[in-house]
PDB file of all heavy atoms in Angstrom:
ATOM      1  N   VAL A   1     -46.872 -11.147  28.564  1.00  0.00           N
ATOM      2  CA  VAL A   1     -46.427 -11.503  29.907  1.00  0.00           C
ATOM      3  C   VAL A   1     -44.978 -11.058  30.058  1.00  0.00           C
ATOM      4  O   VAL A   1     -44.119 -11.431  29.245  1.00  0.00           O
ATOM      5  CB  VAL A   1     -46.538 -13.028  30.145  1.00  0.00           C
ATOM      6  CG1 VAL A   1     -45.962 -13.401  31.506  1.00  0.00           C
ATOM      7  CG2 VAL A   1     -47.986 -13.479  30.032  1.00  0.00           C
ATOM      8  N   ILE A   2     -44.717 -10.238  31.072  1.00  0.00           N
ATOM      9  CA  ILE A   2     -43.343  -9.808  31.341  1.00  0.00           C
ATOM     10  C   ILE A   2     -42.736 -10.803  32.319  1.00  0.00           C
ATOM     11  O   ILE A   2     -43.115 -10.856  33.493  1.00  0.00           O
ATOM     12  CB  ILE A   2     -43.302  -8.376  31.917  1.00  0.00           C
ATOM     13  CG1 ILE A   2     -43.941  -7.396  30.936  1.00  0.00           C
ATOM     14  CG2 ILE A   2     -41.855  -7.963  32.200  1.00  0.00           C
ATOM     15  CD1 ILE A   2     -44.076  -5.978  31.489  1.00  0.00           C
ATOM     16  N   ALA A   3     -41.814 -11.627  31.823  1.00  0.00           N
ATOM     17  CA  ALA A   3     -41.178 -12.641  32.668  1.00  0.00           C
ATOM     18  C   ALA A   3     -40.057 -12.033  33.495  1.00  0.00           C
ATOM     19  O   ALA A   3     -39.880 -12.367  34.670  1.00  0.00           O
ATOM     20  CB  ALA A   3     -40.653 -13.789  31.811  1.00  0.00           C
ATOM     21  N   LEU A   4     -39.270 -11.164  32.869  1.00  0.00           N
ATOM     22  CA  LEU A   4     -38.171 -10.480  33.558  1.00  0.00           C
ATOM     23  C   LEU A   4     -38.237  -8.999  33.211  1.00  0.00           C
ATOM     24  O   LEU A   4     -38.499  -8.647  32.052  1.00  0.00           O
ATOM     25  CB  LEU A   4     -36.814 -11.034  33.114  1.00  0.00           C
ATOM     26  CG  LEU A   4     -36.464 -12.455  33.555  1.00  0.00           C
ATOM     27  CD1 LEU A   4     -35.234 -12.947  32.808  1.00  0.00           C
ATOM     28  CD2 LEU A   4     -36.229 -12.516  35.065  1.00  0.00           C
ATOM     29  N   ASP A   5     -37.986  -8.145  34.193  1.00  0.00           N
ATOM     30  CA  ASP A   5     -38.131  -6.713  33.992  1.00  0.00           C
ATOM     31  C   ASP A   5     -36.868  -5.985  34.454  1.00  0.00           C
ATOM     32  O   ASP A   5     -36.580  -5.907  35.647  1.00  0.00           O
ATOM     33  CB  ASP A   5     -39.349  -6.201  34.773  1.00  0.00           C
ATOM     34  CG  ASP A   5     -39.634  -4.729  34.509  1.00  0.00           C
ATOM     35  OD1 ASP A   5     -39.275  -4.256  33.415  1.00  0.00           O
ATOM     36  OD2 ASP A   5     -40.189  -4.065  35.397  1.00  0.00           O
ATOM     37  N   ASP A   6     -36.096  -5.488  33.496  1.00  0.00           N
ATOM     38  CA  ASP A   6     -34.936  -4.628  33.761  1.00  0.00           C
ATOM     39  C   ASP A   6     -33.959  -5.274  34.758  1.00  0.00           C
ATOM     40  O   ASP A   6     -33.621  -4.710  35.795  1.00  0.00           O
ATOM     41  CB  ASP A   6     -35.403  -3.266  34.278  1.00  0.00           C
ATOM     42  CG  ASP A   6     -34.302  -2.224  34.210  1.00  0.00           C
ATOM     43  OD1 ASP A   6     -33.416  -2.353  33.338  1.00  0.00           O
ATOM     44  OD2 ASP A   6     -34.304  -1.292  35.034  1.00  0.00           O
ATOM     45  N   VAL A   7     -33.498  -6.467  34.397  1.00  0.00           N
ATOM     46  CA  VAL A   7     -32.588  -7.226  35.264  1.00  0.00           C
ATOM     47  C   VAL A   7     -31.146  -6.955  34.849  1.00  0.00           C
ATOM     48  O   VAL A   7     -30.792  -7.090  33.671  1.00  0.00           O
ATOM     49  CB  VAL A   7     -32.901  -8.737  35.171  1.00  0.00           C
ATOM     50  CG1 VAL A   7     -31.791  -9.565  35.814  1.00  0.00           C
ATOM     51  CG2 VAL A   7     -34.241  -9.024  35.828  1.00  0.00           C
ATOM     52  N   SER A   8     -30.317  -6.578  35.818  1.00  0.00           N
ATOM     53  CA  SER A   8     -28.885  -6.396  35.594  1.00  0.00           C
ATOM     54  C   SER A   8     -28.114  -7.205  36.627  1.00  0.00           C
ATOM     55  O   SER A   8     -28.444  -7.174  37.822  1.00  0.00           O
ATOM     56  CB  SER A   8     -28.487  -4.917  35.693  1.00  0.00           C
ATOM     57  OG  SER A   8     -29.059  -4.161  34.646  1.00  0.00           O
ATOM     58  N   LEU A   9     -27.082  -7.921  36.157  1.00  0.00           N
ATOM     59  CA  LEU A   9     -26.329  -8.794  37.037  1.00  0.00           C
ATOM     60  C   LEU A   9     -24.982  -9.090  36.386  1.00  0.00           C
ATOM     61  O   LEU A   9     -24.910  -9.311  35.186  1.00  0.00           O
ATOM     62  CB  LEU A   9     -27.094 -10.107  37.252  1.00  0.00           C
ATOM     63  CG  LEU A   9     -26.461 -11.195  38.125  1.00  0.00           C
ATOM     64  CD1 LEU A   9     -26.358 -10.737  39.571  1.00  0.00           C
ATOM     65  CD2 LEU A   9     -27.261 -12.489  38.032  1.00  0.00           C
ATOM     66  N   SER A  10     -23.913  -9.096  37.190  1.00  0.00           N
ATOM     67  CA  SER A  10     -22.591  -9.478  36.698  1.00  0.00           C
ATOM     68  C   SER A  10     -22.066 -10.642  37.522  1.00  0.00           C
ATOM     69  O   SER A  10     -22.232 -10.667  38.746  1.00  0.00           O
ATOM     70  CB  SER A  10     -21.606  -8.305  36.793  1.00  0.00           C
ATOM     71  OG  SER A  10     -21.999  -7.250  35.938  1.00  0.00           O
ATOM     72  N   LEU A  11     -21.427 -11.587  36.853  1.00  0.00           N
ATOM     73  CA  LEU A  11     -20.817 -12.733  37.525  1.00  0.00           C
ATOM     74  C   LEU A  11     -19.325 -12.718  37.244  1.00  0.00           C
ATOM     75  O   LEU A  11     -18.900 -12.563  36.095  1.00  0.00           O
ATOM     76  CB  LEU A  11     -21.391 -14.050  36.998  1.00  0.00           C
ATOM     77  CG  LEU A  11     -22.742 -14.534  37.525  1.00  0.00           C
ATOM     78  CD1 LEU A  11     -23.878 -13.677  37.011  1.00  0.00           C
ATOM     79  CD2 LEU A  11     -22.958 -15.974  37.111  1.00  0.00           C
ATOM     80  N   GLY A  12     -18.541 -12.904  38.294  1.00  0.00           N
ATOM     81  CA  GLY A  12     -17.107 -13.026  38.117  1.00  0.00           C
ATOM     82  C   GLY A  12     -16.740 -14.389  37.575  1.00  0.00           C
ATOM     83  O   GLY A  12     -17.465 -15.368  37.753  1.00  0.00           O
ATOM     84  N   ARG A  13     -15.602 -14.463  36.910  1.00  0.00           N
ATOM     85  CA  ARG A  13     -15.133 -15.742  36.377  1.00  0.00           C
ATOM     86  C   ARG A  13     -14.913 -16.721  37.526  1.00  0.00           C
ATOM     87  O   ARG A  13     -14.264 -16.408  38.516  1.00  0.00           O
ATOM     88  CB  ARG A  13     -13.842 -15.539  35.595  1.00  0.00           C
ATOM     89  CG  ARG A  13     -13.392 -16.765  34.820  1.00  0.00           C
ATOM     90  CD  ARG A  13     -12.194 -16.451  33.947  1.00  0.00           C
ATOM     91  NE  ARG A  13     -12.535 -15.510  32.886  1.00  0.00           N
ATOM     92  CZ  ARG A  13     -13.070 -15.850  31.712  1.00  0.00           C
ATOM     93  NH1 ARG A  13     -13.340 -17.130  31.457  1.00  0.00           N
ATOM     94  NH2 ARG A  13     -13.341 -14.945  30.800  1.00  0.00           N
ATOM     95  N   GLY A  14     -15.497 -17.908  37.408  1.00  0.00           N
ATOM     96  CA  GLY A  14     -15.361 -18.916  38.446  1.00  0.00           C
ATOM     97  C   GLY A  14     -16.285 -18.739  39.631  1.00  0.00           C
ATOM     98  O   GLY A  14     -16.198 -19.493  40.598  1.00  0.00           O
ATOM     99  N   GLU A  15     -17.201 -17.791  39.550  1.00  0.00           N
ATOM    100  CA  GLU A  15     -18.143 -17.558  40.657  1.00  0.00           C
ATOM    101  C   GLU A  15     -19.296 -18.560  40.583  1.00  0.00           C
ATOM    102  O   GLU A  15     -19.649 -19.049  39.514  1.00  0.00           O
ATOM    103  CB  GLU A  15     -18.688 -16.127  40.586  1.00  0.00           C
ATOM    104  CG  GLU A  15     -19.519 -15.736  41.798  1.00  0.00           C
ATOM    105  CD  GLU A  15     -20.035 -14.308  41.757  1.00  0.00           C
ATOM    106  OE1 GLU A  15     -19.929 -13.649  40.704  1.00  0.00           O
ATOM    107  OE2 GLU A  15     -20.559 -13.847  42.786  1.00  0.00           O
ATOM    108  N   PHE A  16     -19.895 -18.850  41.741  1.00  0.00           N
ATOM    109  CA  PHE A  16     -21.091 -19.701  41.822  1.00  0.00           C
ATOM    110  C   PHE A  16     -22.225 -18.837  42.363  1.00  0.00           C
ATOM    111  O   PHE A  16     -22.155 -18.358  43.495  1.00  0.00           O
ATOM    112  CB  PHE A  16     -20.840 -20.893  42.753  1.00  0.00           C
ATOM    113  CG  PHE A  16     -21.791 -22.051  42.534  1.00  0.00           C
ATOM    114  CD1 PHE A  16     -21.297 -23.315  42.251  1.00  0.00           C
ATOM    115  CD2 PHE A  16     -23.161 -21.876  42.605  1.00  0.00           C
ATOM    116  CE1 PHE A  16     -22.155 -24.390  42.050  1.00  0.00           C
ATOM    117  CE2 PHE A  16     -24.037 -22.939  42.402  1.00  0.00           C
ATOM    118  CZ  PHE A  16     -23.521 -24.196  42.119  1.00  0.00           C
ATOM    119  N   VAL A  17     -23.251 -18.632  41.548  1.00  0.00           N
ATOM    120  CA  VAL A  17     -24.390 -17.784  41.925  1.00  0.00           C
ATOM    121  C   VAL A  17     -25.656 -18.633  41.913  1.00  0.00           C
ATOM    122  O   VAL A  17     -25.861 -19.454  41.021  1.00  0.00           O
ATOM    123  CB  VAL A  17     -24.524 -16.591  40.950  1.00  0.00           C
ATOM    124  CG1 VAL A  17     -25.875 -15.906  41.095  1.00  0.00           C
ATOM    125  CG2 VAL A  17     -23.405 -15.582  41.199  1.00  0.00           C
ATOM    126  N   ALA A  18     -26.496 -18.455  42.922  1.00  0.00           N
ATOM    127  CA  ALA A  18     -27.795 -19.133  42.972  1.00  0.00           C
ATOM    128  C   ALA A  18     -28.900 -18.114  42.738  1.00  0.00           C
ATOM    129  O   ALA A  18     -28.844 -16.989  43.256  1.00  0.00           O
ATOM    130  CB  ALA A  18     -27.995 -19.813  44.325  1.00  0.00           C
ATOM    131  N   LEU A  19     -29.903 -18.510  41.952  1.00  0.00           N
ATOM    132  CA  LEU A  19     -31.100 -17.702  41.719  1.00  0.00           C
ATOM    133  C   LEU A  19     -32.254 -18.326  42.478  1.00  0.00           C
ATOM    134  O   LEU A  19     -32.509 -19.525  42.342  1.00  0.00           O
ATOM    135  CB  LEU A  19     -31.446 -17.653  40.231  1.00  0.00           C
ATOM    136  CG  LEU A  19     -30.374 -17.199  39.246  1.00  0.00           C
ATOM    137  CD1 LEU A  19     -30.906 -17.305  37.820  1.00  0.00           C
ATOM    138  CD2 LEU A  19     -29.929 -15.779  39.540  1.00  0.00           C
ATOM    139  N   ILE A  20     -32.952 -17.509  43.284  1.00  0.00           N
ATOM    140  CA  ILE A  20     -34.074 -18.034  44.054  1.00  0.00           C
ATOM    141  C   ILE A  20     -35.216 -17.033  44.002  1.00  0.00           C
ATOM    142  O   ILE A  20     -35.004 -15.819  43.882  1.00  0.00           O
ATOM    143  CB  ILE A  20     -33.636 -18.342  45.511  1.00  0.00           C
ATOM    144  CG1 ILE A  20     -34.644 -19.251  46.212  1.00  0.00           C
ATOM    145  CG2 ILE A  20     -33.357 -17.064  46.299  1.00  0.00           C
ATOM    146  CD1 ILE A  20     -34.109 -19.865  47.508  1.00  0.00           C
ATOM    147  N   GLY A  21     -36.437 -17.546  44.072  1.00  0.00           N
ATOM    148  CA  GLY A  21     -37.615 -16.687  44.019  1.00  0.00           C
ATOM    149  C   GLY A  21     -38.847 -17.548  43.857  1.00  0.00           C
ATOM    150  O   GLY A  21     -38.755 -18.760  43.636  1.00  0.00           O
ATOM    151  N   PRO A  22     -40.032 -16.932  43.957  1.00  0.00           N
ATOM    152  CA  PRO A  22     -41.266 -17.713  43.836  1.00  0.00           C
ATOM    153  C   PRO A  22     -41.420 -18.331  42.457  1.00  0.00           C
ATOM    154  O   PRO A  22     -40.796 -17.889  41.487  1.00  0.00           O
ATOM    155  CB  PRO A  22     -42.371 -16.682  44.113  1.00  0.00           C
ATOM    156  CG  PRO A  22     -41.741 -15.351  43.915  1.00  0.00           C
ATOM    157  CD  PRO A  22     -40.283 -15.500  44.207  1.00  0.00           C
ATOM    158  N   SER A  23     -42.251 -19.373  42.370  1.00  0.00           N
ATOM    159  CA  SER A  23     -42.506 -20.013  41.072  1.00  0.00           C
ATOM    160  C   SER A  23     -43.005 -18.978  40.075  1.00  0.00           C
ATOM    161  O   SER A  23     -43.808 -18.109  40.417  1.00  0.00           O
ATOM    162  CB  SER A  23     -43.544 -21.121  41.231  1.00  0.00           C
ATOM    163  OG  SER A  23     -43.019 -22.174  41.999  1.00  0.00           O
ATOM    164  N   GLY A  24     -42.512 -19.073  38.853  1.00  0.00           N
ATOM    165  CA  GLY A  24     -42.958 -18.164  37.808  1.00  0.00           C
ATOM    166  C   GLY A  24     -42.296 -16.802  37.828  1.00  0.00           C
ATOM    167  O   GLY A  24     -42.726 -15.897  37.124  1.00  0.00           O
ATOM    168  N   CYS A  25     -41.205 -16.654  38.621  1.00  0.00           N
ATOM    169  CA  CYS A  25     -40.579 -15.328  38.742  1.00  0.00           C
ATOM    170  C   CYS A  25     -39.548 -15.067  37.655  1.00  0.00           C
ATOM    171  O   CYS A  25     -38.958 -13.987  37.612  1.00  0.00           O
ATOM    172  CB  CYS A  25     -39.940 -15.155  40.117  1.00  0.00           C
ATOM    173  SG  CYS A  25     -38.434 -16.130  40.344  1.00  0.00           S
ATOM    174  N   GLY A  26     -39.288 -16.039  36.792  1.00  0.00           N
ATOM    175  CA  GLY A  26     -38.364 -15.802  35.694  1.00  0.00           C
ATOM    176  C   GLY A  26     -36.972 -16.376  35.884  1.00  0.00           C
ATOM    177  O   GLY A  26     -36.079 -16.111  35.078  1.00  0.00           O
ATOM    178  N   LYS A  27     -36.785 -17.187  36.927  1.00  0.00           N
ATOM    179  CA  LYS A  27     -35.448 -17.770  37.167  1.00  0.00           C
ATOM    180  C   LYS A  27     -35.005 -18.620  35.977  1.00  0.00           C
ATOM    181  O   LYS A  27     -33.898 -18.452  35.462  1.00  0.00           O
ATOM    182  CB  LYS A  27     -35.456 -18.649  38.435  1.00  0.00           C
ATOM    183  CG  LYS A  27     -35.893 -17.966  39.697  1.00  0.00           C
ATOM    184  CD  LYS A  27     -35.803 -18.885  40.904  1.00  0.00           C
ATOM    185  CE  LYS A  27     -36.728 -20.092  40.852  1.00  0.00           C
ATOM    186  NZ  LYS A  27     -38.163 -19.740  40.903  1.00  0.00           N
TER     187      LYS A  27
END
């Protein structure tokens, strides 16, 4: 089962990021 596929993401120091998506999407 591929839960996450080729995900790239950068967060700045002190940043607030929300992850959203359908159930089972790998959040």
